Protein backbone atom coordinates (compact mmCIF):
# COMPACT_ATOMS: atom_id res chain seq x y z
CA MET A 1 -45.01 113.78 -118.10
CA PRO A 2 -44.76 110.93 -115.56
CA LEU A 3 -47.51 108.30 -115.48
CA THR A 4 -48.51 109.53 -112.02
CA LEU A 5 -49.81 112.76 -113.60
CA VAL A 6 -51.84 111.37 -116.53
CA GLU A 7 -55.61 110.99 -116.54
CA THR A 8 -57.33 107.60 -116.58
CA GLY A 9 -58.80 106.69 -119.97
CA VAL A 10 -56.82 109.22 -122.03
CA THR A 11 -54.33 107.96 -124.63
CA TYR A 12 -50.81 109.40 -124.46
CA THR A 13 -47.75 108.78 -126.64
CA ILE A 14 -44.44 107.94 -124.95
CA GLN A 15 -42.02 110.74 -125.80
CA LYS A 16 -38.97 109.78 -123.74
CA ILE A 17 -37.86 107.06 -121.33
CA CYS A 18 -35.50 108.29 -118.61
CA GLY A 19 -33.07 106.40 -116.40
CA ASN A 20 -29.80 104.58 -116.81
CA GLU A 21 -29.34 102.03 -119.60
CA LYS A 22 -30.36 99.05 -117.46
CA GLN A 23 -33.57 100.78 -116.30
CA ARG A 24 -34.50 101.90 -119.83
CA HIS A 25 -33.93 98.39 -121.18
CA TYR A 26 -36.18 96.91 -118.47
CA ILE A 27 -38.95 99.43 -119.23
CA GLU A 28 -38.66 98.66 -122.95
CA THR A 29 -38.98 94.91 -122.31
CA LEU A 30 -42.31 95.70 -120.64
CA GLY A 31 -43.48 97.28 -123.92
CA PHE A 32 -42.94 100.94 -123.07
CA ILE A 33 -41.20 102.18 -126.23
CA GLU A 34 -40.85 105.76 -127.47
CA GLY A 35 -43.57 106.66 -129.98
CA VAL A 36 -46.01 104.00 -128.74
CA PRO A 37 -49.43 105.08 -127.40
CA VAL A 38 -50.33 104.10 -123.82
CA GLN A 39 -53.47 104.46 -121.73
CA ILE A 40 -54.05 104.13 -117.98
CA LEU A 41 -57.05 101.82 -117.59
CA SER A 42 -57.46 102.04 -113.82
CA ARG A 43 -55.66 103.25 -110.72
CA PHE A 44 -55.04 101.72 -107.36
CA PRO A 45 -52.91 103.38 -104.67
CA GLN A 46 -49.36 103.29 -106.12
CA TYR A 47 -50.32 100.86 -108.93
CA TYR A 48 -51.33 101.53 -112.56
CA LEU A 49 -52.88 99.15 -115.14
């Protein structure tokens, strides 16, 4: 499920990171790694924290 569809304040676990190798590596350097829980804290138009 893309981050644009998740609810604020609910914890989700990253199941898969899509994209080419360069994109996946960049996302992983930001801390988004498969199996790690994430939570959207707040939303702004087109931005997520």
